[in-house]
Amino acid sequence: KEHARIVIEMTKASPEPYEDLLLSDYPEKNLSKVNALALKYATTKEAKQQISNDINEKMKPKVEAKIANLNPLAQKAVRKAAKKSIEEAVDKSVDEAIKKIDTKDKPTKYENHTTDRSIKSEKQ
């Protein structure tokens, strides 16, 4: 499901010449290559920056509450440090998550579960 969602999002974001292309149009491209491409687009600097910006917006009220009693110069420094810390954390987290994602073709957990169940019923 996640793979399909990413492909749909990529199709929506594509320039016009690529909008109606389907995976079936490219039989030489296997699932591993499509997954790797989806990961590449999902982990661009722009995507990481958007995640960082979203987190910054959510954290802003908490940061502002903590620094309300500081002088303006200190407030500016804390805001900048908080923003930089969030950007670094997002960058590191996304990179670590990508390392853990296996893009090799293999059955999903659901497919394994279904196969295991059918094998058990055949044995009975």
Protein backbone atom coordinates (compact mmCIF):
# COMPACT_ATOMS: atom_id res chain seq x y z
CA LYS A 1 0.00 0.00 0.00
CA GLU A 2 2.81 2.41 0.88
CA HIS A 3 4.54 1.68 -2.44
CA ALA A 4 1.36 2.44 -4.37
CA ARG A 5 0.80 5.67 -2.42
CA ILE A 6 4.34 6.86 -3.17
CA VAL A 7 4.01 6.04 -6.86
CA ILE A 8 0.68 7.91 -6.99
CA GLU A 9 2.22 10.94 -5.27
CA MET A 10 5.18 10.84 -7.66
CA THR A 11 2.77 10.70 -10.62
CA LYS A 12 0.85 13.71 -9.32
CA ALA A 13 4.07 15.67 -8.82
CA SER A 14 5.56 14.74 -12.19
CA PRO A 15 5.88 17.17 -15.08
CA GLU A 16 3.22 16.81 -17.78
CA PRO A 17 5.18 14.52 -20.16
CA TYR A 18 5.38 11.86 -17.43
CA GLU A 19 1.89 12.08 -15.90
CA ASP A 20 0.24 9.03 -17.48
CA LEU A 21 3.16 6.63 -17.38
CA LEU A 22 2.57 3.29 -15.70
CA LEU A 23 4.98 0.81 -14.17
CA SER A 24 3.70 -1.76 -16.67
CA ASP A 25 4.99 0.48 -19.46
CA TYR A 26 8.51 -0.32 -18.27
CA PRO A 27 8.82 -4.10 -17.77
CA GLU A 28 12.59 -3.79 -17.40
CA LYS A 29 12.07 -1.79 -14.21
CA ASN A 30 11.48 -4.14 -11.31
CA LEU A 31 10.00 -3.44 -7.90
CA SER A 32 13.44 -2.91 -6.37
CA LYS A 33 14.23 -0.13 -8.81
CA VAL A 34 10.85 1.51 -8.29
CA ASN A 35 11.26 1.34 -4.50
CA ALA A 36 14.76 2.81 -4.75
CA LEU A 37 13.45 5.63 -6.95
CA ALA A 38 10.59 6.32 -4.53
CA LEU A 39 13.08 6.47 -1.65
CA LYS A 40 15.29 8.82 -3.63
CA TYR A 41 12.43 11.26 -4.19
CA ALA A 42 11.05 10.89 -0.66
CA THR A 43 14.42 11.74 0.87
CA THR A 44 15.48 14.78 -1.12
CA LYS A 45 16.78 17.85 0.67
CA GLU A 46 13.48 19.55 -0.08
CA ALA A 47 11.50 16.73 1.54
CA LYS A 48 13.73 16.77 4.62
CA GLN A 49 13.43 20.57 4.79
CA GLN A 50 9.63 20.35 4.59
CA ILE A 51 9.58 17.82 7.44
CA SER A 52 11.87 20.10 9.48
CA ASN A 53 9.65 23.11 8.77
CA ASP A 54 6.54 21.20 9.84
CA ILE A 55 8.19 20.11 13.09
CA ASN A 56 9.46 23.65 13.72
CA GLU A 57 5.93 25.02 13.33
CA LYS A 58 4.58 22.47 15.80
CA MET A 59 7.37 23.14 18.30
CA LYS A 60 7.26 26.94 17.97
CA PRO A 61 4.66 27.56 20.74
CA LYS A 62 6.62 25.41 23.20
CA VAL A 63 9.92 27.12 22.36
CA GLU A 64 8.33 30.57 22.60
CA ALA A 65 6.85 29.72 26.01
CA LYS A 66 10.27 28.61 27.30
CA ILE A 67 12.12 31.70 26.06
CA ALA A 68 9.49 34.34 26.88
CA ASN A 69 11.53 35.74 29.80
CA LEU A 70 14.84 35.92 27.92
CA ASN A 71 16.19 39.07 26.31
CA PRO A 72 15.57 39.45 22.54
CA LEU A 73 19.14 38.52 21.59
CA ALA A 74 19.00 35.30 23.62
CA GLN A 75 15.56 34.50 22.19
CA LYS A 76 16.92 34.81 18.65
CA ALA A 77 19.86 32.52 19.49
CA VAL A 78 17.59 29.89 21.06
CA ARG A 79 15.20 29.94 18.08
CA LYS A 80 18.11 29.48 15.68
CA ALA A 81 19.58 26.65 17.79
CA ALA A 82 16.20 24.90 18.04
CA LYS A 83 15.67 25.14 14.28
CA LYS A 84 19.16 23.80 13.54
CA SER A 85 18.76 20.95 16.05
CA ILE A 86 15.48 19.89 14.46
CA GLU A 87 17.00 20.00 10.96
CA GLU A 88 19.94 17.85 12.06
CA ALA A 89 17.67 15.37 13.86
CA VAL A 90 15.40 15.02 10.81
CA ASP A 91 18.38 14.61 8.49
CA LYS A 92 19.90 11.91 10.68
CA SER A 93 16.59 10.12 11.30
CA VAL A 94 15.63 9.99 7.62
CA ASP A 95 19.09 8.77 6.62
CA GLU A 96 19.02 6.04 9.30
CA ALA A 97 15.51 4.97 8.30
CA ILE A 98 16.55 4.70 4.65
CA LYS A 99 19.48 2.46 5.58
CA LYS A 100 17.03 0.09 7.28
CA ILE A 101 14.62 -0.10 4.35
CA ASP A 102 15.24 -3.10 2.14
CA THR A 103 14.29 -2.41 -1.47
CA LYS A 104 14.81 -5.99 -2.61
CA ASP A 105 11.86 -7.81 -4.15
CA LYS A 106 10.27 -10.11 -1.59
CA PRO A 107 6.77 -10.98 -0.40
CA THR A 108 5.12 -8.68 2.08
CA LYS A 109 4.23 -9.82 5.60
CA TYR A 110 0.64 -10.24 4.46
CA GLU A 111 1.68 -12.44 1.55
CA ASN A 112 3.87 -14.54 3.86
CA HIS A 113 1.01 -14.90 6.34
CA THR A 114 -1.42 -15.99 3.64
CA THR A 115 1.08 -18.47 2.20
CA ASP A 116 1.84 -19.91 5.64
CA ARG A 117 -1.86 -20.35 6.34
CA SER A 118 -2.53 -22.11 3.01
CA ILE A 119 0.41 -24.47 3.60
CA LYS A 120 -0.94 -25.35 7.05
CA SER A 121 -4.43 -26.07 5.66
CA GLU A 122 -2.96 -28.30 2.95
CA LYS A 123 -1.13 -30.35 5.61
CA GLN A 124 -4.35 -30.91 7.61
